[in-house]
Amino acid sequence: MELQELTDLIPSEAAVLSAIFLILFVPILYIILSGPSFEEPVEYDASGSTAIQCYCPTNGKFLGLVNPTTPDGIDRAITKAHEAQIEWAKTSFDRRRKVLRTLLKHILDNQDVIARAACLDSGKTMVDASFGEILVTAEKLKWTIDHGEKALRPSKRPTNLLMMYKKNELPGKLDELHQFYRSYTDPFPQFHNLLGPIISSLFTGNAIVLKPSERTAWSSNYFISVVKSALEACGHSPHLVQSVTCWPQAASHLTSHPVLSHITFIGSRPVAHSVASSAAKALTPLTLELGGKDPAIILDDARNLPAIASILMRGVFQSSGQNCIGIERIVATPKVYPQLLALLEPRIRALRLGSALDDTGADADEIDMGACISDDGFSRLESLIAAAVKDGARLLCGGRRCVHPRHPAGHYFAPTLLVDVTPEMDIAQQELFAPVAVLMRAADVRDAIRIANATPYALGASVFGSEPYYVNQVVAGLEAGMVSVNDFAAYYAVQLPFGGVKGSGYGRFAGEEGLWSLCNAKSVCEDRTALVGTKIPRRLDYPISGGSKPWEMCKGIVELGYRDGWRAKVDALRRLLRNS
């Protein structure tokens, strides 16, 4: 079947009607999924319902209900995935690439629908959805299609003198059941963060069980239905991808399940402790990504400060600051500090809030930033900002929640600029996940590194400068899992391994390392030829006899293998032969 025909089988839209998807089969077996209703969200009284209630963050209106998965439902989902994976593990890389190509074409052909679904459920703008959802997903698909097989090819490993008759290799992929567990505390399990682990899991021959956040359950069901339809269109079981949207009290049943072979968790540190404790019951390995307090260091020799200011604006305010690798601290050395402040303040003051889908006409052209996923953290943010001001920081704009004149029920926080912040302030230590630009002054390059490393987090970082010596000094000194030089989060757009250190977690996803993390690295050592193999010497064969000769022979073997210089090796060989 041609790629175009396959992508025609995938729904271009999906509607969530109490979590029920309507699938219609037309005469030529093209599957059409009724899609997310982009009609005006409605007011809805869901009080008393046990279902997950989904609302649009930009206007507070009702999107739909999603029935939560019970522990029995979790068991059924894992069983279905486990059974489907047995056949999927036998597929070739060509067949897996076909599924990914089908997905990629569908995404490129339906960018508007995907972005609109993400905007309705998260509050972000269409531009933010393009950067944060579509572009990075397309990159991950393309990278995996082009480079995934090479990354998983058998890897030959060196041998040594004593074992020269052996050959060693890791045979590449070994397939398991992977669970991607998305924290309910993390508000953005959207298109990319759902499809990313699905892409890696499917290509490595795994099945996957996802737990999306209940905050974005409405769009998550649609996004997962796209993947299921792509699998079906290519002749594979849709049960390879399972979604369990549950309340927190049922989550431990999932994370402690003995059938799972791997758990990837993205969320907060407190919840990570619970997930790790639960996974330990079944000794399930974990990859943890626990957020960050990413610094952007701007050195005095940095060139083109206006261009850097534009990058910083995107790094801080994209998706209303709700980005795990967003810039949370801008650390500037003395010369550039006042220049950056002068560049950033008027631009931050000029940022305009609104709804990418509700506002039309002239209003639609005047939106830079959307809503936050929830207002739950607004009181904490206001307290942190007020405490920083009391301790000497200066609040130049924003600093509080705001009521939007057209969308009073939306969750909006004013774009904020807080300057003269010091490392001792709580706002410099805690992850904000909000549209807050924090500007910090460093005395010199060494002090900038000290400030950057002065938090429990160590996920990503950026450094801007023109002198290689100082830039390299910063890169080497930063405690971080990823660093962009003269850019923001560039590593994410080229599929380098993603993850942090310290309080930001451990393990990696994305890139070759991300694929390998979902595989069992089975080491294989075998004879190079049937003519030569291992034979236990007579002196060392059970039952051992010969007095001290077995021990002297062992010393000869070890020294032959590991003494330096040919004379020492000749002496070792003589010892070996003399006692054999």
Protein backbone atom coordinates (compact mmCIF):
# COMPACT_ATOMS: atom_id res chain seq x y z
CA MET A 1 0.00 0.00 0.00
CA GLU A 2 1.33 3.47 -0.88
CA LEU A 3 2.17 5.94 1.85
CA GLN A 4 -0.59 8.33 0.78
CA GLU A 5 -3.16 5.55 1.05
CA LEU A 6 -1.87 4.65 4.50
CA THR A 7 -2.09 8.21 5.79
CA ASP A 8 -5.63 8.47 4.46
CA LEU A 9 -6.49 5.76 6.98
CA ILE A 10 -5.48 7.96 9.90
CA PRO A 11 -8.06 10.33 11.36
CA SER A 12 -7.47 13.97 10.63
CA GLU A 13 -9.64 14.93 13.61
CA ALA A 14 -10.88 13.20 16.74
CA ALA A 15 -13.72 14.08 19.09
CA VAL A 16 -13.86 13.04 22.69
CA LEU A 17 -17.46 12.38 23.68
CA SER A 18 -17.28 11.10 27.25
CA ALA A 19 -14.04 9.37 26.19
CA ILE A 20 -15.86 7.39 23.47
CA PHE A 21 -14.40 7.51 19.95
CA LEU A 22 -16.77 6.97 17.04
CA ILE A 23 -15.14 4.84 14.33
CA LEU A 24 -16.88 4.60 10.99
CA PHE A 25 -15.86 2.12 8.30
CA VAL A 26 -16.49 3.29 4.75
CA PRO A 27 -16.76 0.83 1.82
CA ILE A 28 -13.03 0.83 1.00
CA LEU A 29 -12.14 0.29 4.68
CA TYR A 30 -10.74 3.76 5.18
CA ILE A 31 -11.04 4.54 8.88
CA ILE A 32 -12.53 7.88 9.80
CA LEU A 33 -12.42 9.01 13.41
CA SER A 34 -14.79 11.79 14.31
CA GLY A 35 -12.60 14.46 15.61
CA PRO A 36 -12.16 16.89 18.46
CA SER A 37 -14.94 19.33 18.30
CA PHE A 38 -13.50 22.75 17.66
CA GLU A 39 -16.85 24.37 18.27
CA GLU A 40 -17.14 26.90 21.08
CA PRO A 41 -16.49 25.15 24.43
CA VAL A 42 -19.55 25.24 26.66
CA GLU A 43 -20.39 25.93 30.27
CA TYR A 44 -20.97 22.60 32.02
CA ASP A 45 -21.82 21.52 35.55
CA ALA A 46 -19.98 18.25 36.18
CA SER A 47 -20.30 18.36 39.96
CA GLY A 48 -20.75 14.90 41.45
CA SER A 49 -19.14 13.12 38.49
CA THR A 50 -16.22 10.76 39.11
CA ALA A 51 -15.05 11.25 35.53
CA ILE A 52 -12.03 13.39 34.68
CA GLN A 53 -13.41 16.79 33.72
CA CYS A 54 -11.51 18.57 30.96
CA TYR A 55 -11.58 22.35 30.62
CA CYS A 56 -9.97 24.86 28.29
CA PRO A 57 -7.38 26.89 30.30
CA THR A 58 -7.83 30.02 28.19
CA ASN A 59 -11.53 30.49 28.94
CA GLY A 60 -12.47 27.90 31.59
CA LYS A 61 -15.09 26.25 29.41
CA PHE A 62 -15.88 22.56 29.34
CA LEU A 63 -14.23 20.29 26.75
CA GLY A 64 -15.41 16.84 27.76
CA LEU A 65 -15.30 13.96 30.21
CA VAL A 66 -12.82 11.09 30.31
CA ASN A 67 -13.62 8.05 32.39
CA PRO A 68 -10.70 7.20 34.70
CA THR A 69 -9.02 3.81 34.35
CA THR A 70 -9.42 1.43 37.30
CA PRO A 71 -6.76 -1.03 38.53
CA ASP A 72 -8.60 -3.79 36.63
CA GLY A 73 -8.52 -1.60 33.53
CA ILE A 74 -4.78 -1.08 33.99
CA ASP A 75 -4.29 -4.87 34.13
CA ARG A 76 -6.29 -5.33 30.92
CA ALA A 77 -4.33 -2.61 29.11
CA ILE A 78 -0.98 -4.13 30.10
CA THR A 79 -2.15 -7.61 29.06
CA LYS A 80 -3.24 -6.35 25.64
CA ALA A 81 0.07 -4.54 25.12
CA HIS A 82 2.07 -7.56 26.27
CA GLU A 83 0.27 -9.92 23.90
CA ALA A 84 0.59 -7.53 20.94
CA GLN A 85 4.29 -7.04 21.57
CA ILE A 86 5.10 -10.71 20.99
CA GLU A 87 4.34 -10.40 17.27
CA TRP A 88 5.60 -6.83 16.97
CA ALA A 89 9.03 -7.90 18.24
CA LYS A 90 9.38 -10.12 15.16
CA THR A 91 8.88 -7.26 12.68
CA SER A 92 11.72 -5.85 10.61
CA PHE A 93 13.03 -2.33 10.85
CA ASP A 94 11.55 -1.69 7.40
CA ARG A 95 8.04 -2.43 8.68
CA ARG A 96 8.57 -0.25 11.73
CA ARG A 97 9.84 2.59 9.54
CA LYS A 98 6.71 2.28 7.44
CA VAL A 99 4.59 3.04 10.51
CA LEU A 100 6.76 6.04 11.39
CA ARG A 101 6.68 7.39 7.83
CA THR A 102 2.90 7.08 7.86
CA LEU A 103 2.76 9.04 11.09
CA LEU A 104 5.15 11.71 9.82
CA LYS A 105 3.17 12.34 6.66
CA HIS A 106 -0.06 12.53 8.61
CA ILE A 107 1.41 15.04 11.05
CA LEU A 108 2.72 17.26 8.27
CA ASP A 109 -0.62 17.11 6.48
CA ASN A 110 -2.65 17.89 9.63
CA GLN A 111 -0.60 20.47 11.50
CA ASP A 112 -3.58 22.79 12.02
CA VAL A 113 -5.76 20.11 13.61
CA ILE A 114 -2.99 18.83 15.90
CA ALA A 115 -1.99 22.33 17.00
CA ARG A 116 -5.59 23.36 17.66
CA ALA A 117 -6.20 20.28 19.81
CA ALA A 118 -3.05 21.08 21.81
CA CYS A 119 -4.09 24.72 22.23
CA LEU A 120 -7.57 23.88 23.47
CA ASP A 121 -6.29 21.54 26.16
CA SER A 122 -3.17 23.46 27.27
CA GLY A 123 -3.83 27.13 26.63
CA LYS A 124 -0.74 27.65 24.47
CA THR A 125 -0.66 29.59 21.23
CA MET A 126 -0.55 28.06 17.75
CA VAL A 127 3.05 29.24 17.30
CA ASP A 128 4.05 27.61 20.58
CA ALA A 129 2.28 24.42 19.50
CA SER A 130 4.23 24.44 16.25
CA PHE A 131 7.60 24.77 17.98
CA GLY A 132 6.85 22.63 21.02
CA GLU A 133 4.69 19.90 19.53
CA ILE A 134 4.91 19.54 15.76
CA LEU A 135 8.47 20.52 14.84
CA VAL A 136 10.15 18.42 17.55
CA THR A 137 7.89 15.43 16.85
CA ALA A 138 8.65 15.60 13.14
CA GLU A 139 12.37 15.75 13.98
CA LYS A 140 12.17 12.71 16.26
CA LEU A 141 10.31 10.74 13.60
CA LYS A 142 12.74 11.73 10.85
CA TRP A 143 15.81 11.01 13.00
CA THR A 144 14.49 7.60 14.00
CA ILE A 145 13.58 6.74 10.41
CA ASP A 146 17.03 7.80 9.15
CA HIS A 147 19.31 6.75 12.00
CA GLY A 148 17.43 4.43 14.35
CA GLU A 149 18.47 1.15 12.74
CA LYS A 150 22.14 2.15 12.69
CA ALA A 151 21.96 2.98 16.39
CA LEU A 152 20.58 -0.48 17.17
CA ARG A 153 22.89 -2.52 14.97
CA PRO A 154 25.06 -5.17 16.68
CA SER A 155 28.04 -3.56 18.36
CA LYS A 156 31.39 -5.37 18.22
CA ARG A 157 33.57 -5.07 21.31
CA PRO A 158 37.34 -5.61 21.72
CA THR A 159 38.91 -8.70 23.24
CA ASN A 160 42.27 -9.28 24.98
CA LEU A 161 45.38 -11.45 24.68
CA LEU A 162 44.07 -14.30 26.83
CA MET A 163 40.72 -14.33 25.02
CA MET A 164 41.97 -13.63 21.50
CA TYR A 165 40.14 -16.68 20.18
CA LYS A 166 36.79 -15.10 21.18
CA LYS A 167 34.64 -12.47 19.48
CA ASN A 168 32.40 -10.16 21.50
CA GLU A 169 29.31 -8.19 20.58
CA LEU A 170 26.07 -6.70 21.77
CA PRO A 171 23.52 -8.07 19.31
CA GLY A 172 21.48 -4.88 19.25
CA LYS A 173 17.81 -4.67 20.03
CA LEU A 174 16.12 -6.93 22.50
CA ASP A 175 12.49 -6.15 22.90
CA GLU A 176 10.54 -5.56 26.06
CA LEU A 177 7.34 -3.98 27.34
CA HIS A 178 7.93 -0.32 28.05
CA GLN A 179 5.76 1.86 30.16
CA PHE A 180 5.93 5.61 29.79
CA TYR A 181 4.47 7.01 32.95
CA ARG A 182 3.59 10.66 32.78
CA SER A 183 3.20 12.46 36.06
CA TYR A 184 -0.15 13.94 36.86
CA THR A 185 1.70 16.92 38.33
CA ASP A 186 3.31 17.83 35.02
CA PRO A 187 0.86 19.87 32.94
CA PHE A 188 2.19 19.20 29.46
CA PRO A 189 1.86 15.56 28.39
CA GLN A 190 0.86 16.86 25.00
CA PHE A 191 1.46 15.71 21.45
CA HIS A 192 5.26 15.56 21.49
CA ASN A 193 5.63 14.23 25.01
CA LEU A 194 3.19 11.44 24.17
CA LEU A 195 4.50 10.59 20.72
CA GLY A 196 8.18 10.83 21.65
CA PRO A 197 8.23 7.72 23.84
CA ILE A 198 5.80 5.95 21.49
CA ILE A 199 8.19 6.46 18.56
CA SER A 200 11.18 5.08 20.47
CA SER A 201 9.22 2.20 21.96
CA LEU A 202 7.74 1.04 18.67
CA PHE A 203 11.03 1.29 16.80
CA THR A 204 12.82 -0.83 19.41
CA GLY A 205 10.13 -3.49 19.17
CA ASN A 206 8.36 -2.58 22.38
CA ALA A 207 4.78 -2.09 23.35
CA ILE A 208 3.99 0.93 25.51
CA VAL A 209 1.52 1.89 28.21
CA LEU A 210 1.12 5.63 28.76
CA LYS A 211 -0.37 7.47 31.70
CA PRO A 212 -1.17 10.97 30.45
CA SER A 213 -1.91 13.78 32.85
CA GLU A 214 -5.57 14.10 33.73
CA ARG A 215 -5.14 17.83 33.03
CA THR A 216 -4.78 17.15 29.29
CA ALA A 217 -6.70 13.86 29.02
CA TRP A 218 -8.98 15.27 26.34
CA SER A 219 -6.28 15.90 23.72
CA SER A 220 -4.17 12.90 24.82
CA ASN A 221 -6.91 10.48 23.78
CA TYR A 222 -7.02 12.04 20.32
CA PHE A 223 -3.24 12.03 19.88
CA ILE A 224 -2.96 8.37 20.89
CA SER A 225 -5.81 7.46 18.54
CA VAL A 226 -3.72 8.83 15.65
CA VAL A 227 -0.91 6.37 16.44
CA LYS A 228 -3.31 3.45 16.87
CA SER A 229 -4.85 4.21 13.49
CA ALA A 230 -1.40 4.38 11.86
CA LEU A 231 -0.58 0.93 13.26
CA GLU A 232 -3.85 -0.47 11.95
CA ALA A 233 -3.35 1.17 8.56
CA CYS A 234 0.01 -0.59 8.28
CA GLY A 235 -1.45 -3.95 9.29
CA HIS A 236 -0.36 -4.05 12.95
CA SER A 237 -2.20 -4.33 16.24
CA PRO A 238 -3.34 -1.03 17.78
CA HIS A 239 -3.01 -2.70 21.18
CA LEU A 240 0.73 -1.99 21.05
CA VAL A 241 -0.07 1.47 22.40
CA GLN A 242 -2.23 1.68 25.52
CA SER A 243 -3.34 4.71 27.48
CA VAL A 244 -4.49 4.64 31.09
CA THR A 245 -5.76 7.96 32.36
CA CYS A 246 -6.32 7.51 36.06
CA TRP A 247 -6.54 9.40 39.30
CA PRO A 248 -3.37 9.49 41.43
CA GLN A 249 -4.62 6.84 43.86
CA ALA A 250 -4.66 4.22 41.08
CA ALA A 251 -1.24 5.16 39.67
CA SER A 252 0.77 2.99 42.06
CA HIS A 253 -0.94 -0.10 40.66
CA LEU A 254 0.56 0.83 37.32
CA THR A 255 4.07 1.69 38.48
CA SER A 256 4.43 -1.44 40.60
CA HIS A 257 3.15 -3.80 37.91
CA PRO A 258 5.51 -6.79 37.53
CA VAL A 259 5.05 -7.13 33.74
CA LEU A 260 6.59 -3.73 32.93
CA SER A 261 10.24 -3.74 31.87
CA HIS A 262 10.97 -0.03 32.01
CA ILE A 263 9.35 3.14 33.33
CA THR A 264 10.04 6.64 32.06
CA PHE A 265 8.72 9.30 34.41
CA ILE A 266 8.57 13.03 33.73
CA GLY A 267 7.33 15.22 36.53
CA SER A 268 8.10 16.55 39.97
CA ARG A 269 10.65 15.30 42.47
CA PRO A 270 8.11 14.49 45.23
CA VAL A 271 6.07 12.32 42.86
CA ALA A 272 9.28 10.75 41.53
CA HIS A 273 10.02 9.43 45.02
CA SER A 274 6.63 7.70 45.04
CA VAL A 275 7.12 6.30 41.54
CA ALA A 276 10.62 5.02 42.36
CA SER A 277 9.39 3.40 45.58
CA SER A 278 6.52 1.76 43.74
CA ALA A 279 8.70 0.55 40.86
CA ALA A 280 11.19 -0.90 43.34
CA LYS A 281 8.60 -3.49 44.36
CA ALA A 282 9.06 -5.15 40.96
CA LEU A 283 12.67 -3.93 40.50
CA THR A 284 11.59 -2.07 37.37
CA PRO A 285 14.34 0.24 36.00
CA LEU A 286 13.54 3.92 35.72
CA THR A 287 14.40 6.95 33.65
CA LEU A 288 13.52 10.12 35.59
CA GLU A 289 13.27 13.64 34.21
CA LEU A 290 12.32 15.91 37.10
CA GLY A 291 12.36 19.40 35.73
CA GLY A 292 14.99 22.08 35.91
CA LYS A 293 16.05 25.56 36.86
CA ASP A 294 17.91 26.11 33.61
CA PRO A 295 20.36 29.02 33.47
CA ALA A 296 21.27 31.09 30.44
CA ILE A 297 24.70 32.64 30.96
CA ILE A 298 25.49 35.76 28.92
CA LEU A 299 29.16 36.72 28.96
CA ASP A 300 30.56 40.21 28.43
CA ASP A 301 32.02 39.24 25.05
CA ALA A 302 28.65 38.06 23.69
CA ARG A 303 27.83 39.55 20.31
CA ASN A 304 24.54 40.88 18.94
CA LEU A 305 22.66 41.33 22.21
CA PRO A 306 19.34 42.16 20.49
CA ALA A 307 19.39 38.73 18.82
CA ILE A 308 20.28 37.11 22.15
CA ALA A 309 17.40 38.97 23.80
CA SER A 310 15.04 37.46 21.23
CA ILE A 311 16.31 33.97 22.04
CA LEU A 312 15.91 34.64 25.76
CA MET A 313 12.33 35.84 25.24
CA ARG A 314 11.49 32.60 23.46
CA GLY A 315 13.29 30.54 26.11
CA VAL A 316 11.45 32.18 28.99
CA PHE A 317 7.96 32.80 27.64
CA GLN A 318 7.28 29.98 25.18
CA SER A 319 4.20 28.04 26.34
CA SER A 320 3.78 30.64 29.11
CA GLY A 321 7.04 29.47 30.64
CA GLN A 322 5.72 25.93 31.13
CA ASN A 323 8.66 24.13 29.62
CA CYS A 324 10.93 21.76 31.53
CA ILE A 325 13.95 23.15 29.65
CA GLY A 326 12.71 26.72 29.65
CA ILE A 327 15.12 29.45 30.75
CA GLU A 328 14.41 30.05 34.45
CA ARG A 329 17.48 32.19 35.25
CA ILE A 330 19.31 34.72 33.10
CA VAL A 331 22.82 35.13 34.52
CA ALA A 332 24.72 38.09 33.05
CA THR A 333 28.21 39.41 33.69
CA PRO A 334 28.65 43.13 34.56
CA LYS A 335 29.07 44.72 31.12
CA VAL A 336 26.05 43.10 29.48
CA TYR A 337 23.74 43.12 32.52
CA PRO A 338 22.36 46.67 32.08
CA GLN A 339 22.22 46.29 28.31
CA LEU A 340 20.14 43.12 28.58
CA LEU A 341 17.84 44.72 31.13
CA ALA A 342 17.25 47.65 28.77
CA LEU A 343 16.48 45.27 25.90
CA LEU A 344 14.21 42.90 27.82
CA GLU A 345 12.04 45.23 29.88
CA PRO A 346 10.11 46.95 27.06
CA ARG A 347 9.65 43.65 25.21
CA ILE A 348 8.25 41.88 28.26
CA ARG A 349 5.94 44.79 29.05
CA ALA A 350 4.63 44.59 25.48
CA LEU A 351 3.67 40.90 25.58
CA ARG A 352 -0.05 40.36 24.92
CA LEU A 353 -2.15 37.59 26.47
CA GLY A 354 -5.09 35.80 24.91
CA SER A 355 -6.65 32.68 23.45
CA ALA A 356 -5.26 31.45 20.15
CA LEU A 357 -8.60 29.89 19.18
CA ASP A 358 -11.22 32.16 20.77
CA ASP A 359 -9.86 35.50 19.64
CA THR A 360 -10.55 36.43 16.03
CA GLY A 361 -9.87 39.30 13.71
CA ALA A 362 -7.65 42.02 15.11
CA ASP A 363 -7.62 40.33 18.53
CA ALA A 364 -6.10 37.17 17.03
CA ASP A 365 -3.21 39.19 15.65
CA GLU A 366 -2.41 40.59 19.08
CA ILE A 367 -1.59 37.43 21.03
CA ASP A 368 1.96 36.59 22.07
CA MET A 369 1.32 34.30 25.01
CA GLY A 370 -1.50 32.01 26.04
CA ALA A 371 -2.81 30.86 29.40
CA CYS A 372 -1.21 28.64 32.01
CA ILE A 373 -2.57 25.12 32.27
CA SER A 374 -3.87 25.83 35.78
CA ASP A 375 -3.98 28.58 38.37
CA ASP A 376 -3.02 26.17 41.17
CA GLY A 377 0.50 27.57 41.41
CA PHE A 378 -0.32 31.28 41.17
CA SER A 379 -0.37 31.93 44.92
CA ARG A 380 3.05 30.28 45.30
CA LEU A 381 4.44 32.37 42.44
CA GLU A 382 3.13 35.62 43.91
CA SER A 383 4.60 34.73 47.30
CA LEU A 384 8.01 33.90 45.83
CA ILE A 385 8.09 37.17 43.89
CA ALA A 386 6.99 39.20 46.92
CA ALA A 387 9.64 37.53 49.10
CA ALA A 388 12.34 38.26 46.51
CA VAL A 389 11.34 41.93 46.37
CA LYS A 390 11.45 42.10 50.17
CA ASP A 391 15.00 40.66 50.03
CA GLY A 392 16.21 43.25 47.53
CA ALA A 393 15.10 42.17 44.05
CA ARG A 394 13.32 44.66 41.82
CA LEU A 395 10.01 43.83 40.13
CA LEU A 396 9.87 45.79 36.88
CA CYS A 397 6.67 44.34 35.45
CA GLY A 398 4.08 41.64 36.09
CA GLY A 399 4.41 39.58 39.23
CA ARG A 400 0.77 38.60 39.67
CA ARG A 401 -2.15 36.76 38.14
CA CYS A 402 -4.35 38.78 35.87
CA VAL A 403 -8.00 38.71 34.82
CA HIS A 404 -8.24 38.79 31.04
CA PRO A 405 -10.90 41.25 29.84
CA ARG A 406 -12.24 38.83 27.20
CA HIS A 407 -11.58 35.58 29.08
CA PRO A 408 -12.11 36.21 32.81
CA ALA A 409 -12.24 32.47 33.62
CA GLY A 410 -8.88 31.77 31.97
CA HIS A 411 -5.66 31.04 33.85
CA TYR A 412 -3.42 34.00 33.01
CA PHE A 413 -0.28 35.17 34.79
CA ALA A 414 1.21 38.50 33.79
CA PRO A 415 4.56 38.31 31.97
CA THR A 416 7.07 39.14 34.67
CA LEU A 417 10.56 40.65 34.87
CA LEU A 418 12.35 40.34 38.21
CA VAL A 419 15.90 41.70 38.36
CA ASP A 420 18.79 41.86 40.85
CA VAL A 421 17.91 38.36 42.07
CA THR A 422 20.57 36.57 44.13
CA PRO A 423 21.17 32.81 44.48
CA GLU A 424 20.04 32.81 48.13
CA MET A 425 16.48 33.86 47.25
CA ASP A 426 13.89 31.09 47.09
CA ILE A 427 12.80 32.21 43.64
CA ALA A 428 16.33 31.42 42.39
CA GLN A 429 16.12 27.90 43.83
CA GLN A 430 12.62 26.66 43.05
CA GLU A 431 11.34 25.66 39.62
CA LEU A 432 8.74 28.25 38.57
CA PHE A 433 7.28 26.76 35.38
CA ALA A 434 5.79 30.16 34.67
CA PRO A 435 6.20 33.29 32.50
CA VAL A 436 8.79 34.86 34.80
CA ALA A 437 12.13 36.24 33.62
CA VAL A 438 14.65 36.23 36.48
CA LEU A 439 17.78 38.34 35.87
CA MET A 440 20.87 37.68 38.03
CA ARG A 441 24.20 39.54 38.09
CA ALA A 442 27.53 37.64 38.07
CA ALA A 443 30.88 39.24 38.89
CA ASP A 444 32.80 37.27 36.26
CA VAL A 445 32.85 33.98 34.35
CA ARG A 446 33.73 31.89 37.39
CA ASP A 447 30.97 33.54 39.42
CA ALA A 448 28.47 32.91 36.62
CA ILE A 449 29.28 29.20 36.75
CA ARG A 450 28.91 29.24 40.55
CA ILE A 451 25.49 30.88 40.33
CA ALA A 452 24.35 28.50 37.57
CA ASN A 453 25.30 25.47 39.68
CA ALA A 454 23.79 26.80 42.92
CA THR A 455 20.46 24.94 42.70
CA PRO A 456 19.41 21.33 43.28
CA TYR A 457 18.50 21.09 39.59
CA ALA A 458 20.80 20.36 36.65
CA LEU A 459 18.82 19.69 33.47
CA GLY A 460 19.75 22.05 30.62
CA ALA A 461 21.71 25.28 30.23
CA SER A 462 22.79 27.89 27.69
CA VAL A 463 25.88 30.02 27.34
CA PHE A 464 26.30 33.03 25.05
CA GLY A 465 29.76 34.36 24.24
CA SER A 466 32.28 34.84 21.43
CA GLU A 467 35.58 33.93 23.09
CA PRO A 468 36.03 30.12 22.86
CA TYR A 469 38.22 29.97 25.97
CA TYR A 470 35.53 31.42 28.24
CA VAL A 471 32.66 29.62 26.51
CA ASN A 472 34.45 26.28 26.91
CA GLN A 473 35.20 27.12 30.52
CA VAL A 474 31.48 27.58 31.15
CA VAL A 475 30.50 24.42 29.27
CA ALA A 476 33.04 22.37 31.24
CA GLY A 477 32.04 23.91 34.57
CA LEU A 478 28.27 23.66 34.26
CA GLU A 479 26.47 20.93 36.17
CA ALA A 480 23.91 20.00 33.54
CA GLY A 481 22.84 17.16 31.31
CA MET A 482 22.67 19.35 28.21
CA VAL A 483 24.18 22.66 27.09
CA SER A 484 23.43 24.90 24.11
CA VAL A 485 26.13 27.32 22.98
CA ASN A 486 24.85 30.65 21.66
CA ASP A 487 21.36 29.20 21.48
CA PHE A 488 18.49 27.87 23.56
CA ALA A 489 17.62 24.16 23.76
CA ALA A 490 19.24 23.44 20.38
CA TYR A 491 20.16 19.94 21.58
CA TYR A 492 16.45 19.09 21.63
CA ALA A 493 16.05 19.77 17.92
CA VAL A 494 18.83 17.40 16.83
CA GLN A 495 17.99 14.33 18.92
CA LEU A 496 20.90 14.43 21.32
CA PRO A 497 20.33 12.35 24.47
CA PHE A 498 17.96 14.21 26.79
CA GLY A 499 18.17 14.19 30.58
CA GLY A 500 19.72 15.76 33.62
CA VAL A 501 21.81 15.15 36.72
CA LYS A 502 21.51 16.02 40.42
CA GLY A 503 17.89 16.77 41.32
CA SER A 504 16.80 16.77 37.68
CA GLY A 505 16.84 12.97 37.53
CA TYR A 506 18.82 10.28 35.79
CA GLY A 507 18.80 8.27 32.60
CA ARG A 508 18.39 9.55 29.04
CA PHE A 509 15.80 9.50 26.32
CA ALA A 510 16.19 10.69 22.71
CA GLY A 511 19.11 9.90 20.42
CA GLU A 512 21.00 6.62 20.35
CA GLU A 513 21.21 6.48 24.13
CA GLY A 514 17.45 6.90 24.37
CA LEU A 515 16.82 3.94 22.07
CA TRP A 516 19.30 1.77 23.92
CA SER A 517 17.67 2.62 27.24
CA LEU A 518 14.61 0.71 26.03
CA CYS A 519 16.62 -2.37 25.14
CA ASN A 520 18.25 -5.13 27.13
CA ALA A 521 21.95 -4.93 26.29
CA LYS A 522 22.64 -8.65 26.08
CA SER A 523 26.39 -9.36 25.93
CA VAL A 524 27.42 -12.30 23.74
CA CYS A 525 30.90 -13.86 23.75
CA GLU A 526 31.61 -16.80 21.38
CA ASP A 527 34.45 -18.62 19.65
CA ARG A 528 35.79 -17.06 16.47
CA THR A 529 36.07 -20.52 14.91
CA ALA A 530 35.04 -24.03 15.83
CA LEU A 531 38.71 -25.05 15.62
CA VAL A 532 39.72 -23.20 18.79
CA GLY A 533 37.81 -23.13 22.05
CA THR A 534 38.16 -23.09 25.81
CA LYS A 535 39.79 -26.14 27.40
CA ILE A 536 40.45 -26.34 31.13
CA PRO A 537 44.19 -27.13 31.68
CA ARG A 538 44.93 -30.40 33.43
CA ARG A 539 46.43 -28.64 36.45
CA LEU A 540 43.25 -26.57 36.96
CA ASP A 541 40.70 -29.28 36.25
CA TYR A 542 38.66 -30.59 39.17
CA PRO A 543 39.70 -32.32 41.32
CA ILE A 544 42.80 -30.11 41.50
CA SER A 545 46.12 -31.67 42.44
CA GLY A 546 49.84 -30.93 42.09
CA GLY A 547 50.62 -28.94 45.24
CA SER A 548 51.71 -25.38 44.45
CA LYS A 549 51.78 -25.85 40.66
CA PRO A 550 48.13 -24.88 40.03
CA TRP A 551 48.70 -21.57 41.87
CA GLU A 552 51.97 -20.87 40.05
CA MET A 553 50.28 -21.68 36.76
CA CYS A 554 47.51 -19.17 37.55
CA LYS A 555 50.11 -16.49 38.27
CA GLY A 556 51.71 -17.24 34.91
CA ILE A 557 48.37 -16.87 33.10
CA VAL A 558 47.59 -13.52 34.77
CA GLU A 559 51.06 -12.11 34.15
CA LEU A 560 51.05 -13.27 30.53
CA GLY A 561 47.83 -11.38 29.98
CA TYR A 562 48.63 -8.20 31.85
CA ARG A 563 52.39 -7.63 32.33
CA ASP A 564 53.85 -4.82 30.21
CA GLY A 565 56.69 -5.53 27.76
CA TRP A 566 57.59 -8.65 25.83
CA ARG A 567 60.33 -9.76 28.26
CA ALA A 568 57.85 -9.88 31.15
CA LYS A 569 55.40 -11.80 29.02
CA VAL A 570 58.08 -14.33 28.02
CA ASP A 571 58.89 -14.88 31.72
CA ALA A 572 55.19 -15.33 32.46
CA LEU A 573 54.86 -17.87 29.64
CA ARG A 574 57.81 -19.83 31.04
CA ARG A 575 56.18 -19.85 34.50
CA LEU A 576 52.93 -21.07 32.94
CA LEU A 577 54.58 -23.88 30.95
CA ARG A 578 56.81 -24.91 33.83
CA ASN A 579 53.79 -25.53 36.04
CA SER A 580 51.35 -26.91 33.49
